[in-house]
Amino acid sequence: QVQLAESGGGLVQAGGSLRLSCAASGGTFSSYDMAWFRQTPGKEREFVAAISRSGGSTYYVASMKGRFTISRDNAKNTVYLQMNSLKPEDTAVYFCAADPIGPTATMRYRSLEVWGQGTQVTVSS
């Protein structure tokens, strides 16, 4: 099955932007729906966004829609999360996840098996 590796996290000031990347290897990337989640210490992992295999459908948690954009490049086996207008409350470890089953819209509710190791995003005020 596919393996995932996130990158692009770091320290940014409030109002700034970051683009996270999640590179997939060892599988057929275009056969997987992809999603981003985030987690802060002591809290459950939180859904951020998901994208279908073709990239034609995207889903966001309401509070992040308009600031965050998920996209993918199947030729590069990579999914991205563009994060704009960052706030201190966006500070978290961000994880990508892959799902070969679908549907994309329910990724936020299901137990997913394929995860990356996470990348830390810290937004300073």
PDB file of N, CA and C in Angstrom:
ATOM      1  N   GLN A   1       0.840  -1.191   0.000  1.00  0.00           N
ATOM      2  CA  GLN A   1       0.000   0.000   0.000  1.00  0.00           C
ATOM      3  C   GLN A   1       0.880   1.247   0.000  1.00  0.00           C
ATOM      4  N   VAL A   2       0.271   2.357  -0.237  1.00  0.00           N
ATOM      5  CA  VAL A   2       1.021   3.588  -0.391  1.00  0.00           C
ATOM      6  C   VAL A   2       1.605   4.045   0.945  1.00  0.00           C
ATOM      7  N   GLN A   3       2.786   4.661   0.889  1.00  0.00           N
ATOM      8  CA  GLN A   3       3.391   5.313   2.048  1.00  0.00           C
ATOM      9  C   GLN A   3       3.362   6.819   1.825  1.00  0.00           C
ATOM     10  N   LEU A   4       3.194   7.566   2.916  1.00  0.00           N
ATOM     11  CA  LEU A   4       3.021   9.007   2.823  1.00  0.00           C
ATOM     12  C   LEU A   4       4.073   9.751   3.625  1.00  0.00           C
ATOM     13  N   ALA A   5       4.522  10.883   3.104  1.00  0.00           N
ATOM     14  CA  ALA A   5       5.507  11.706   3.805  1.00  0.00           C
ATOM     15  C   ALA A   5       5.147  13.171   3.642  1.00  0.00           C
ATOM     16  N   GLU A   6       4.812  13.826   4.757  1.00  0.00           N
ATOM     17  CA  GLU A   6       4.453  15.239   4.727  1.00  0.00           C
ATOM     18  C   GLU A   6       5.702  16.109   4.838  1.00  0.00           C
ATOM     19  N   SER A   7       5.592  17.308   4.325  1.00  0.00           N
ATOM     20  CA  SER A   7       6.652  18.311   4.447  1.00  0.00           C
ATOM     21  C   SER A   7       6.023  19.692   4.297  1.00  0.00           C
ATOM     22  N   GLY A   8       6.815  20.714   4.615  1.00  0.00           N
ATOM     23  CA  GLY A   8       6.350  22.074   4.407  1.00  0.00           C
ATOM     24  C   GLY A   8       5.901  22.794   5.658  1.00  0.00           C
ATOM     25  N   GLY A   9       5.877  22.105   6.781  1.00  0.00           N
ATOM     26  CA  GLY A   9       5.506  22.776   8.016  1.00  0.00           C
ATOM     27  C   GLY A   9       6.597  23.719   8.482  1.00  0.00           C
ATOM     28  N   GLY A  10       6.275  24.493   9.520  1.00  0.00           N
ATOM     29  CA  GLY A  10       7.251  25.418  10.052  1.00  0.00           C
ATOM     30  C   GLY A  10       6.597  26.469  10.917  1.00  0.00           C
ATOM     31  N   LEU A  11       7.359  27.515  11.197  1.00  0.00           N
ATOM     32  CA  LEU A  11       6.900  28.621  12.030  1.00  0.00           C
ATOM     33  C   LEU A  11       6.535  29.795  11.135  1.00  0.00           C
ATOM     34  N   VAL A  12       5.358  30.340  11.334  1.00  0.00           N
ATOM     35  CA  VAL A  12       4.899  31.469  10.532  1.00  0.00           C
ATOM     36  C   VAL A  12       4.137  32.433  11.431  1.00  0.00           C
ATOM     37  N   GLN A  13       4.167  33.706  11.078  1.00  0.00           N
ATOM     38  CA  GLN A  13       3.407  34.687  11.846  1.00  0.00           C
ATOM     39  C   GLN A  13       1.939  34.643  11.467  1.00  0.00           C
ATOM     40  N   ALA A  14       1.104  35.062  12.382  1.00  0.00           N
ATOM     41  CA  ALA A  14      -0.331  35.152  12.105  1.00  0.00           C
ATOM     42  C   ALA A  14      -0.561  36.010  10.866  1.00  0.00           C
ATOM     43  N   GLY A  15      -1.463  35.556  10.015  1.00  0.00           N
ATOM     44  CA  GLY A  15      -1.731  36.231   8.761  1.00  0.00           C
ATOM     45  C   GLY A  15      -0.909  35.715   7.596  1.00  0.00           C
ATOM     46  N   GLY A  16       0.087  34.903   7.899  1.00  0.00           N
ATOM     47  CA  GLY A  16       0.960  34.371   6.866  1.00  0.00           C
ATOM     48  C   GLY A  16       0.393  33.140   6.192  1.00  0.00           C
ATOM     49  N   SER A  17       1.202  32.542   5.316  1.00  0.00           N
ATOM     50  CA  SER A  17       0.777  31.382   4.530  1.00  0.00           C
ATOM     51  C   SER A  17       1.831  30.291   4.583  1.00  0.00           C
ATOM     52  N   LEU A  18       1.373  29.079   4.411  1.00  0.00           N
ATOM     53  CA  LEU A  18       2.232  27.917   4.252  1.00  0.00           C
ATOM     54  C   LEU A  18       1.581  26.984   3.247  1.00  0.00           C
ATOM     55  N   ARG A  19       2.411  26.229   2.540  1.00  0.00           N
ATOM     56  CA  ARG A  19       1.889  25.158   1.702  1.00  0.00           C
ATOM     57  C   ARG A  19       2.508  23.849   2.154  1.00  0.00           C
ATOM     58  N   LEU A  20       1.660  22.951   2.587  1.00  0.00           N
ATOM     59  CA  LEU A  20       2.084  21.614   2.974  1.00  0.00           C
ATOM     60  C   LEU A  20       2.026  20.690   1.771  1.00  0.00           C
ATOM     61  N   SER A  21       2.959  19.747   1.745  1.00  0.00           N
ATOM     62  CA  SER A  21       2.979  18.727   0.711  1.00  0.00           C
ATOM     63  C   SER A  21       2.945  17.350   1.357  1.00  0.00           C
ATOM     64  N   CYS A  22       2.350  16.412   0.651  1.00  0.00           N
ATOM     65  CA  CYS A  22       2.328  15.022   1.096  1.00  0.00           C
ATOM     66  C   CYS A  22       2.665  14.169  -0.119  1.00  0.00           C
ATOM     67  N   ALA A  23       3.853  13.592  -0.091  1.00  0.00           N
ATOM     68  CA  ALA A  23       4.320  12.780  -1.205  1.00  0.00           C
ATOM     69  C   ALA A  23       4.015  11.316  -0.942  1.00  0.00           C
ATOM     70  N   ALA A  24       3.470  10.651  -1.940  1.00  0.00           N
ATOM     71  CA  ALA A  24       3.113   9.241  -1.825  1.00  0.00           C
ATOM     72  C   ALA A  24       4.089   8.385  -2.618  1.00  0.00           C
ATOM     73  N   SER A  25       4.339   7.200  -2.092  1.00  0.00           N
ATOM     74  CA  SER A  25       5.199   6.256  -2.789  1.00  0.00           C
ATOM     75  C   SER A  25       4.716   4.839  -2.522  1.00  0.00           C
ATOM     76  N   GLY A  26       5.078   3.931  -3.417  1.00  0.00           N
ATOM     77  CA  GLY A  26       4.793   2.529  -3.193  1.00  0.00           C
ATOM     78  C   GLY A  26       3.407   2.071  -3.558  1.00  0.00           C
ATOM     79  N   GLY A  27       2.646   2.900  -4.223  1.00  0.00           N
ATOM     80  CA  GLY A  27       1.303   2.508  -4.603  1.00  0.00           C
ATOM     81  C   GLY A  27       0.842   3.346  -5.768  1.00  0.00           C
ATOM     82  N   THR A  28      -0.384   3.099  -6.202  1.00  0.00           N
ATOM     83  CA  THR A  28      -0.959   3.868  -7.304  1.00  0.00           C
ATOM     84  C   THR A  28      -1.706   5.053  -6.717  1.00  0.00           C
ATOM     85  N   PHE A  29      -1.036   6.188  -6.703  1.00  0.00           N
ATOM     86  CA  PHE A  29      -1.553   7.376  -6.006  1.00  0.00           C
ATOM     87  C   PHE A  29      -2.947   7.755  -6.481  1.00  0.00           C
ATOM     88  N   SER A  30      -3.183   7.653  -7.770  1.00  0.00           N
ATOM     89  CA  SER A  30      -4.469   8.081  -8.325  1.00  0.00           C
ATOM     90  C   SER A  30      -5.614   7.150  -7.940  1.00  0.00           C
ATOM     91  N   SER A  31      -5.318   6.067  -7.241  1.00  0.00           N
ATOM     92  CA  SER A  31      -6.359   5.160  -6.759  1.00  0.00           C
ATOM     93  C   SER A  31      -6.830   5.512  -5.353  1.00  0.00           C
ATOM     94  N   TYR A  32      -6.268   6.560  -4.796  1.00  0.00           N
ATOM     95  CA  TYR A  32      -6.570   6.925  -3.414  1.00  0.00           C
ATOM     96  C   TYR A  32      -7.229   8.296  -3.324  1.00  0.00           C
ATOM     97  N   ASP A  33      -8.319   8.366  -2.567  1.00  0.00           N
ATOM     98  CA  ASP A  33      -8.767   9.646  -2.064  1.00  0.00           C
ATOM     99  C   ASP A  33      -7.765  10.089  -1.005  1.00  0.00           C
ATOM    100  N   MET A  34      -7.592  11.396  -0.876  1.00  0.00           N
ATOM    101  CA  MET A  34      -6.608  11.924   0.060  1.00  0.00           C
ATOM    102  C   MET A  34      -7.246  12.953   0.976  1.00  0.00           C
ATOM    103  N   ALA A  35      -6.691  13.090   2.163  1.00  0.00           N
ATOM    104  CA  ALA A  35      -7.234  14.047   3.124  1.00  0.00           C
ATOM    105  C   ALA A  35      -6.127  14.596   4.012  1.00  0.00           C
ATOM    106  N   TRP A  36      -6.403  15.746   4.580  1.00  0.00           N
ATOM    107  CA  TRP A  36      -5.555  16.341   5.605  1.00  0.00           C
ATOM    108  C   TRP A  36      -6.340  16.396   6.913  1.00  0.00           C
ATOM    109  N   PHE A  37      -5.643  16.071   7.984  1.00  0.00           N
ATOM    110  CA  PHE A  37      -6.160  16.190   9.334  1.00  0.00           C
ATOM    111  C   PHE A  37      -5.124  16.970  10.143  1.00  0.00           C
ATOM    112  N   ARG A  38      -5.527  17.407  11.334  1.00  0.00           N
ATOM    113  CA  ARG A  38      -4.566  18.042  12.214  1.00  0.00           C
ATOM    114  C   ARG A  38      -4.868  17.654  13.654  1.00  0.00           C
ATOM    115  N   GLN A  39      -3.861  17.776  14.484  1.00  0.00           N
ATOM    116  CA  GLN A  39      -4.006  17.381  15.881  1.00  0.00           C
ATOM    117  C   GLN A  39      -3.152  18.249  16.773  1.00  0.00           C
ATOM    118  N   THR A  40      -3.736  18.666  17.881  1.00  0.00           N
ATOM    119  CA  THR A  40      -3.008  19.385  18.919  1.00  0.00           C
ATOM    120  C   THR A  40      -2.958  18.500  20.162  1.00  0.00           C
ATOM    121  N   PRO A  41      -1.983  18.725  21.039  1.00  0.00           N
ATOM    122  CA  PRO A  41      -1.828  17.875  22.223  1.00  0.00           C
ATOM    123  C   PRO A  41      -3.098  17.815  23.055  1.00  0.00           C
ATOM    124  N   GLY A  42      -3.479  16.619  23.424  1.00  0.00           N
ATOM    125  CA  GLY A  42      -4.639  16.439  24.278  1.00  0.00           C
ATOM    126  C   GLY A  42      -5.968  16.454  23.553  1.00  0.00           C
ATOM    127  N   LYS A  43      -5.942  16.632  22.244  1.00  0.00           N
ATOM    128  CA  LYS A  43      -7.187  16.674  21.483  1.00  0.00           C
ATOM    129  C   LYS A  43      -7.205  15.569  20.438  1.00  0.00           C
ATOM    130  N   GLU A  44      -8.415  15.249  19.997  1.00  0.00           N
ATOM    131  CA  GLU A  44      -8.554  14.256  18.939  1.00  0.00           C
ATOM    132  C   GLU A  44      -8.114  14.841  17.600  1.00  0.00           C
ATOM    133  N   ARG A  45      -7.728  13.947  16.713  1.00  0.00           N
ATOM    134  CA  ARG A  45      -7.364  14.382  15.367  1.00  0.00           C
ATOM    135  C   ARG A  45      -8.588  14.994  14.695  1.00  0.00           C
ATOM    136  N   GLU A  46      -8.382  16.116  14.000  1.00  0.00           N
ATOM    137  CA  GLU A  46      -9.469  16.904  13.420  1.00  0.00           C
ATOM    138  C   GLU A  46      -9.360  16.913  11.901  1.00  0.00           C
ATOM    139  N   PHE A  47     -10.467  16.643  11.254  1.00  0.00           N
ATOM    140  CA  PHE A  47     -10.514  16.696   9.785  1.00  0.00           C
ATOM    141  C   PHE A  47     -10.323  18.129   9.295  1.00  0.00           C
ATOM    142  N   VAL A  48      -9.547  18.272   8.223  1.00  0.00           N
ATOM    143  CA  VAL A  48      -9.327  19.588   7.613  1.00  0.00           C
ATOM    144  C   VAL A  48      -9.945  19.640   6.215  1.00  0.00           C
ATOM    145  N   ALA A  49      -9.531  18.711   5.348  1.00  0.00           N
ATOM    146  CA  ALA A  49     -10.001  18.747   3.961  1.00  0.00           C
ATOM    147  C   ALA A  49      -9.746  17.397   3.316  1.00  0.00           C
ATOM    148  N   ALA A  50     -10.500  17.113   2.254  1.00  0.00           N
ATOM    149  CA  ALA A  50     -10.323  15.881   1.491  1.00  0.00           C
ATOM    150  C   ALA A  50     -10.489  16.172   0.013  1.00  0.00           C
ATOM    151  N   ILE A  51      -9.899  15.307  -0.805  1.00  0.00           N
ATOM    152  CA  ILE A  51      -9.971  15.475  -2.249  1.00  0.00           C
ATOM    153  C   ILE A  51     -10.115  14.107  -2.894  1.00  0.00           C
ATOM    154  N   SER A  52     -10.929  14.040  -3.933  1.00  0.00           N
ATOM    155  CA  SER A  52     -11.188  12.775  -4.609  1.00  0.00           C
ATOM    156  C   SER A  52      -9.999  12.361  -5.467  1.00  0.00           C
ATOM    157  N   ARG A  53     -10.063  11.151  -5.981  1.00  0.00           N
ATOM    158  CA  ARG A  53      -8.954  10.584  -6.758  1.00  0.00           C
ATOM    159  C   ARG A  53      -8.562  11.454  -7.949  1.00  0.00           C
ATOM    160  N   SER A  54      -9.550  11.988  -8.629  1.00  0.00           N
ATOM    161  CA  SER A  54      -9.280  12.802  -9.816  1.00  0.00           C
ATOM    162  C   SER A  54      -8.980  14.248  -9.465  1.00  0.00           C
ATOM    163  N   GLY A  55      -9.303  14.623  -8.231  1.00  0.00           N
ATOM    164  CA  GLY A  55      -9.176  16.024  -7.835  1.00  0.00           C
ATOM    165  C   GLY A  55     -10.416  16.836  -8.137  1.00  0.00           C
ATOM    166  N   GLY A  56     -11.424  16.185  -8.695  1.00  0.00           N
ATOM    167  CA  GLY A  56     -12.599  16.906  -9.105  1.00  0.00           C
ATOM    168  C   GLY A  56     -13.552  17.297  -7.982  1.00  0.00           C
ATOM    169  N   SER A  57     -13.424  16.639  -6.845  1.00  0.00           N
ATOM    170  CA  SER A  57     -14.288  16.947  -5.694  1.00  0.00           C
ATOM    171  C   SER A  57     -13.429  17.223  -4.470  1.00  0.00           C
ATOM    172  N   THR A  58     -13.784  18.269  -3.759  1.00  0.00           N
ATOM    173  CA  THR A  58     -13.073  18.622  -2.529  1.00  0.00           C
ATOM    174  C   THR A  58     -14.068  18.878  -1.411  1.00  0.00           C
ATOM    175  N   TYR A  59     -13.617  18.652  -0.202  1.00  0.00           N
ATOM    176  CA  TYR A  59     -14.456  18.812   0.971  1.00  0.00           C
ATOM    177  C   TYR A  59     -13.626  19.493   2.057  1.00  0.00           C
ATOM    178  N   TYR A  60     -14.273  20.388   2.791  1.00  0.00           N
ATOM    179  CA  TYR A  60     -13.576  21.136   3.828  1.00  0.00           C
ATOM    180  C   TYR A  60     -14.420  21.190   5.093  1.00  0.00           C
ATOM    181  N   VAL A  61     -13.743  21.304   6.216  1.00  0.00           N
ATOM    182  CA  VAL A  61     -14.465  21.660   7.415  1.00  0.00           C
ATOM    183  C   VAL A  61     -14.847  23.129   7.273  1.00  0.00           C
ATOM    184  N   ALA A  62     -16.030  23.475   7.704  1.00  0.00           N
ATOM    185  CA  ALA A  62     -16.599  24.795   7.422  1.00  0.00           C
ATOM    186  C   ALA A  62     -15.695  25.930   7.906  1.00  0.00           C
ATOM    187  N   SER A  63     -15.067  25.748   9.050  1.00  0.00           N
ATOM    188  CA  SER A  63     -14.292  26.846   9.636  1.00  0.00           C
ATOM    189  C   SER A  63     -13.023  27.161   8.851  1.00  0.00           C
ATOM    190  N   MET A  64     -12.592  26.261   7.976  1.00  0.00           N
ATOM    191  CA  MET A  64     -11.358  26.473   7.233  1.00  0.00           C
ATOM    192  C   MET A  64     -11.599  26.763   5.752  1.00  0.00           C
ATOM    193  N   LYS A  65     -12.807  26.509   5.288  1.00  0.00           N
ATOM    194  CA  LYS A  65     -13.096  26.768   3.882  1.00  0.00           C
ATOM    195  C   LYS A  65     -12.917  28.245   3.590  1.00  0.00           C
ATOM    196  N   GLY A  66     -12.214  28.539   2.510  1.00  0.00           N
ATOM    197  CA  GLY A  66     -11.915  29.921   2.159  1.00  0.00           C
ATOM    198  C   GLY A  66     -10.512  30.337   2.543  1.00  0.00           C
ATOM    199  N   ARG A  67      -9.948  29.687   3.576  1.00  0.00           N
ATOM    200  CA  ARG A  67      -8.563  29.966   3.959  1.00  0.00           C
ATOM    201  C   ARG A  67      -7.628  28.854   3.489  1.00  0.00           C
ATOM    202  N   PHE A  68      -8.141  27.618   3.502  1.00  0.00           N
ATOM    203  CA  PHE A  68      -7.318  26.462   3.132  1.00  0.00           C
ATOM    204  C   PHE A  68      -7.799  25.913   1.788  1.00  0.00           C
ATOM    205  N   THR A  69      -6.859  25.441   0.995  1.00  0.00           N
ATOM    206  CA  THR A  69      -7.192  24.831  -0.294  1.00  0.00           C
ATOM    207  C   THR A  69      -6.416  23.532  -0.449  1.00  0.00           C
ATOM    208  N   ILE A  70      -7.144  22.447  -0.691  1.00  0.00           N
ATOM    209  CA  ILE A  70      -6.514  21.163  -0.957  1.00  0.00           C
ATOM    210  C   ILE A  70      -6.448  20.955  -2.457  1.00  0.00           C
ATOM    211  N   SER A  71      -5.349  20.394  -2.917  1.00  0.00           N
ATOM    212  CA  SER A  71      -5.185  20.089  -4.337  1.00  0.00           C
ATOM    213  C   SER A  71      -4.261  18.889  -4.463  1.00  0.00           C
ATOM    214  N   ARG A  72      -4.203  18.333  -5.654  1.00  0.00           N
ATOM    215  CA  ARG A  72      -3.321  17.189  -5.870  1.00  0.00           C
ATOM    216  C   ARG A  72      -2.752  17.233  -7.275  1.00  0.00           C
ATOM    217  N   ASP A  73      -1.605  16.603  -7.428  1.00  0.00           N
ATOM    218  CA  ASP A  73      -0.963  16.440  -8.728  1.00  0.00           C
ATOM    219  C   ASP A  73      -0.662  14.953  -8.870  1.00  0.00           C
ATOM    220  N   ASN A  74      -1.494  14.257  -9.600  1.00  0.00           N
ATOM    221  CA  ASN A  74      -1.326  12.806  -9.707  1.00  0.00           C
ATOM    222  C   ASN A  74      -0.059  12.434 -10.479  1.00  0.00           C
ATOM    223  N   ALA A  75       0.425  13.320 -11.322  1.00  0.00           N
ATOM    224  CA  ALA A  75       1.674  13.048 -12.034  1.00  0.00           C
ATOM    225  C   ALA A  75       2.876  13.088 -11.091  1.00  0.00           C
ATOM    226  N   LYS A  76       2.733  13.862 -10.010  1.00  0.00           N
ATOM    227  CA  LYS A  76       3.817  13.977  -9.024  1.00  0.00           C
ATOM    228  C   LYS A  76       3.548  13.172  -7.760  1.00  0.00           C
ATOM    229  N   ASN A  77       2.432  12.456  -7.735  1.00  0.00           N
ATOM    230  CA  ASN A  77       2.076  11.649  -6.570  1.00  0.00           C
ATOM    231  C   ASN A  77       2.063  12.470  -5.283  1.00  0.00           C
ATOM    232  N   THR A  78       1.497  13.657  -5.367  1.00  0.00           N
ATOM    233  CA  THR A  78       1.546  14.582  -4.242  1.00  0.00           C
ATOM    234  C   THR A  78       0.203  15.277  -4.045  1.00  0.00           C
ATOM    235  N   VAL A  79      -0.162  15.437  -2.790  1.00  0.00           N
ATOM    236  CA  VAL A  79      -1.314  16.244  -2.418  1.00  0.00           C
ATOM    237  C   VAL A  79      -0.805  17.432  -1.614  1.00  0.00           C
ATOM    238  N   TYR A  80      -1.483  18.556  -1.772  1.00  0.00           N
ATOM    239  CA  TYR A  80      -1.058  19.808  -1.152  1.00  0.00           C
ATOM    240  C   TYR A  80      -2.156  20.376  -0.266  1.00  0.00           C
ATOM    241  N   LEU A  81      -1.739  21.185   0.686  1.00  0.00           N
ATOM    242  CA  LEU A  81      -2.679  21.981   1.469  1.00  0.00           C
ATOM    243  C   LEU A  81      -2.115  23.398   1.536  1.00  0.00           C
ATOM    244  N   GLN A  82      -2.755  24.289   0.798  1.00  0.00           N
ATOM    245  CA  GLN A  82      -2.369  25.698   0.842  1.00  0.00           C
ATOM    246  C   GLN A  82      -3.137  26.359   1.974  1.00  0.00           C
ATOM    247  N   MET A  83      -2.417  26.953   2.899  1.00  0.00           N
ATOM    248  CA  MET A  83      -3.031  27.562   4.079  1.00  0.00           C
ATOM    249  C   MET A  83      -2.705  29.050   4.082  1.00  0.00           C
ATOM    250  N   ASN A  84      -3.757  29.860   4.015  1.00  0.00           N
ATOM    251  CA  ASN A  84      -3.601  31.311   4.014  1.00  0.00           C
ATOM    252  C   ASN A  84      -4.252  31.912   5.252  1.00  0.00           C
ATOM    253  N   SER A  85      -3.912  33.154   5.529  1.00  0.00           N
ATOM    254  CA  SER A  85      -4.487  33.879   6.671  1.00  0.00           C
ATOM    255  C   SER A  85      -4.420  33.041   7.937  1.00  0.00           C
ATOM    256  N   LEU A  86      -3.268  32.497   8.205  1.00  0.00           N
ATOM    257  CA  LEU A  86      -3.110  31.581   9.330  1.00  0.00           C
ATOM    258  C   LEU A  86      -3.324  32.295  10.660  1.00  0.00           C
ATOM    259  N   LYS A  87      -3.884  31.535  11.599  1.00  0.00           N
ATOM    260  CA  LYS A  87      -4.185  32.036  12.934  1.00  0.00           C
ATOM    261  C   LYS A  87      -3.440  31.192  13.962  1.00  0.00           C
ATOM    262  N   PRO A  88      -3.194  31.742  15.133  1.00  0.00           N
ATOM    263  CA  PRO A  88      -2.511  30.930  16.163  1.00  0.00           C
ATOM    264  C   PRO A  88      -3.237  29.623  16.454  1.00  0.00           C
ATOM    265  N   GLU A  89      -4.554  29.612  16.341  1.00  0.00           N
ATOM    266  CA  GLU A  89      -5.311  28.387  16.604  1.00  0.00           C
ATOM    267  C   GLU A  89      -5.153  27.342  15.511  1.00  0.00           C
ATOM    268  N   ASP A  90      -4.477  27.670  14.435  1.00  0.00           N
ATOM    269  CA  ASP A  90      -4.162  26.682  13.404  1.00  0.00           C
ATOM    270  C   ASP A  90      -2.904  25.889  13.765  1.00  0.00           C
ATOM    271  N   THR A  91      -2.245  26.275  14.840  1.00  0.00           N
ATOM    272  CA  THR A  91      -1.065  25.549  15.295  1.00  0.00           C
ATOM    273  C   THR A  91      -1.429  24.099  15.614  1.00  0.00           C
ATOM    274  N   ALA A  92      -0.734  23.161  14.992  1.00  0.00           N
ATOM    275  CA  ALA A  92      -1.035  21.737  15.150  1.00  0.00           C
ATOM    276  C   ALA A  92      -0.012  20.928  14.368  1.00  0.00           C
ATOM    277  N   VAL A  93      -0.050  19.625  14.575  1.00  0.00           N
ATOM    278  CA  VAL A  93       0.633  18.711  13.670  1.00  0.00           C
ATOM    279  C   VAL A  93      -0.358  18.333  12.584  1.00  0.00           C
ATOM    280  N   TYR A  94       0.048  18.474  11.348  1.00  0.00           N
ATOM    281  CA  TYR A  94      -0.815  18.191  10.208  1.00  0.00           C
ATOM    282  C   TYR A  94      -0.407  16.859   9.592  1.00  0.00           C
ATOM    283  N   PHE A  95      -1.422  16.021   9.377  1.00  0.00           N
ATOM    284  CA  PHE A  95      -1.214  14.692   8.825  1.00  0.00           C
ATOM    285  C   PHE A  95      -1.972  14.547   7.515  1.00  0.00           C
ATOM    286  N   CYS A  96      -1.404  13.817   6.578  1.00  0.00           N
ATOM    287  CA  CYS A  96      -2.183  13.417   5.411  1.00  0.00           C
ATOM    288  C   CYS A  96      -2.570  11.954   5.545  1.00  0.00           C
ATOM    289  N   ALA A  97      -3.661  11.609   4.892  1.00  0.00           N
ATOM    290  CA  ALA A  97      -4.187  10.248   4.937  1.00  0.00           C
ATOM    291  C   ALA A  97      -4.650   9.849   3.554  1.00  0.00           C
ATOM    292  N   ALA A  98      -4.567   8.551   3.279  1.00  0.00           N
ATOM    293  CA  ALA A  98      -4.980   8.011   1.986  1.00  0.00           C
ATOM    294  C   ALA A  98      -6.036   6.939   2.182  1.00  0.00           C
ATOM    295  N   ASP A  99      -6.991   6.905   1.284  1.00  0.00           N
ATOM    296  CA  ASP A  99      -8.087   5.940   1.383  1.00  0.00           C
ATOM    297  C   ASP A  99      -8.408   5.375   0.012  1.00  0.00           C
ATOM    298  N   PRO A 100      -8.305   4.044  -0.163  1.00  0.00           N
ATOM    299  CA  PRO A 100      -8.595   3.449  -1.469  1.00  0.00           C
ATOM    300  C   PRO A 100     -10.052   3.060  -1.669  1.00  0.00           C
ATOM    301  N   ILE A 101     -10.867   3.248  -0.634  1.00  0.00           N
ATOM    302  CA  ILE A 101     -12.221   2.694  -0.662  1.00  0.00           C
ATOM    303  C   ILE A 101     -13.261   3.713  -1.070  1.00  0.00           C
ATOM    304  N   GLY A 102     -13.269   4.864  -0.440  1.00  0.00           N
ATOM    305  CA  GLY A 102     -14.251   5.902  -0.695  1.00  0.00           C
ATOM    306  C   GLY A 102     -15.547   5.649   0.073  1.00  0.00           C
ATOM    307  N   PRO A 103     -16.510   6.543  -0.078  1.00  0.00           N
ATOM    308  CA  PRO A 103     -16.447   7.796  -0.825  1.00  0.00           C
ATOM    309  C   PRO A 103     -15.658   8.885  -0.108  1.00  0.00           C
ATOM    310  N   THR A 104     -15.168   9.836  -0.877  1.00  0.00           N
ATOM    311  CA  THR A 104     -14.353  10.917  -0.341  1.00  0.00           C
ATOM    312  C   THR A 104     -15.066  11.671   0.766  1.00  0.00           C
ATOM    313  N   ALA A 105     -16.350  11.921   0.570  1.00  0.00           N
ATOM    314  CA  ALA A 105     -17.104  12.763   1.491  1.00  0.00           C
ATOM    315  C   ALA A 105     -17.156  12.206   2.900  1.00  0.00           C
ATOM    316  N   THR A 106     -16.948  10.904   3.063  1.00  0.00           N
ATOM    317  CA  THR A 106     -17.053  10.301   4.392  1.00  0.00           C
ATOM    318  C   THR A 106     -15.708  10.028   5.036  1.00  0.00           C
ATOM    319  N   MET A 107     -14.618  10.487   4.425  1.00  0.00           N
ATOM    320  CA  MET A 107     -13.293  10.229   5.006  1.00  0.00           C
ATOM    321  C   MET A 107     -13.191  10.797   6.410  1.00  0.00           C
ATOM    322  N   ARG A 108     -13.859  11.917   6.638  1.00  0.00           N
ATOM    323  CA  ARG A 108     -13.755  12.538   7.958  1.00  0.00           C
ATOM    324  C   ARG A 108     -14.372  11.688   9.052  1.00  0.00           C
ATOM    325  N   TYR A 109     -15.205  10.738   8.699  1.00  0.00           N
ATOM    326  CA  TYR A 109     -15.928   9.952   9.700  1.00  0.00           C
ATOM    327  C   TYR A 109     -15.376   8.543   9.870  1.00  0.00           C
ATOM    328  N   ARG A 110     -14.536   8.096   8.944  1.00  0.00           N
ATOM    329  CA  ARG A 110     -14.123   6.686   8.951  1.00  0.00           C
ATOM    330  C   ARG A 110     -12.750   6.513   9.555  1.00  0.00           C
ATOM    331  N   SER A 111     -12.485   5.311   9.998  1.00  0.00           N
ATOM    332  CA  SER A 111     -11.172   4.953  10.511  1.00  0.00           C
ATOM    333  C   SER A 111     -10.266   4.655   9.325  1.00  0.00           C
ATOM    334  N   LEU A 112      -9.277   5.503   9.108  1.00  0.00           N
ATOM    335  CA  LEU A 112      -8.386   5.366   7.961  1.00  0.00           C
ATOM    336  C   LEU A 112      -7.122   4.640   8.360  1.00  0.00           C
ATOM    337  N   GLU A 113      -6.559   3.910   7.421  1.00  0.00           N
ATOM    338  CA  GLU A 113      -5.427   3.052   7.761  1.00  0.00           C
ATOM    339  C   GLU A 113      -4.080   3.600   7.325  1.00  0.00           C
ATOM    340  N   VAL A 114      -4.064   4.477   6.365  1.00  0.00           N
ATOM    341  CA  VAL A 114      -2.794   4.943   5.809  1.00  0.00           C
ATOM    342  C   VAL A 114      -2.568   6.395   6.194  1.00  0.00           C
ATOM    343  N   TRP A 115      -1.502   6.647   6.936  1.00  0.00           N
ATOM    344  CA  TRP A 115      -1.198   7.979   7.438  1.00  0.00           C
ATOM    345  C   TRP A 115       0.278   8.302   7.216  1.00  0.00           C
ATOM    346  N   GLY A 116       0.556   9.580   7.092  1.00  0.00           N
ATOM    347  CA  GLY A 116       1.927  10.037   7.129  1.00  0.00           C
ATOM    348  C   GLY A 116       2.363  10.275   8.565  1.00  0.00           C
ATOM    349  N   GLN A 117       3.609  10.755   8.721  1.00  0.00           N
ATOM    350  CA  GLN A 117       4.165  10.931  10.064  1.00  0.00           C
ATOM    351  C   GLN A 117       3.817  12.282  10.666  1.00  0.00           C
ATOM    352  N   GLY A 118       3.321  13.194   9.852  1.00  0.00           N
ATOM    353  CA  GLY A 118       2.918  14.508  10.331  1.00  0.00           C
ATOM    354  C   GLY A 118       3.995  15.564  10.157  1.00  0.00           C
ATOM    355  N   THR A 119       3.559  16.805  10.064  1.00  0.00           N
ATOM    356  CA  THR A 119       4.461  17.943   9.981  1.00  0.00           C
ATOM    357  C   THR A 119       3.916  19.057  10.884  1.00  0.00           C
ATOM    358  N   GLN A 120       4.802  19.651  11.674  1.00  0.00           N
ATOM    359  CA  GLN A 120       4.382  20.652  12.663  1.00  0.00           C
ATOM    360  C   GLN A 120       4.192  22.012  12.001  1.00  0.00           C
ATOM    361  N   VAL A 121       3.065  22.621  12.292  1.00  0.00           N
ATOM    362  CA  VAL A 121       2.789  24.000  11.887  1.00  0.00           C
ATOM    363  C   VAL A 121       2.592  24.823  13.150  1.00  0.00           C
ATOM    364  N   THR A 122       3.368  25.888  13.279  1.00  0.00           N
ATOM    365  CA  THR A 122       3.260  26.761  14.433  1.00  0.00           C
ATOM    366  C   THR A 122       3.016  28.183  13.946  1.00  0.00           C
ATOM    367  N   VAL A 123       1.917  28.773  14.412  1.00  0.00           N
ATOM    368  CA  VAL A 123       1.559  30.130  14.016  1.00  0.00           C
ATOM    369  C   VAL A 123       1.706  31.025  15.236  1.00  0.00           C
ATOM    370  N   SER A 124       2.570  31.990  15.138  1.00  0.00           N
ATOM    371  CA  SER A 124       2.812  32.898  16.252  1.00  0.00           C
ATOM    372  C   SER A 124       1.927  34.133  16.130  1.00  0.00           C
ATOM    373  N   SER A 125       1.558  34.678  17.274  1.00  0.00           N
ATOM    374  CA  SER A 125       0.668  35.857  17.278  1.00  0.00           C
ATOM    375  C   SER A 125       1.474  37.148  17.269  1.00  0.00           C
TER     376      SER A 125
END
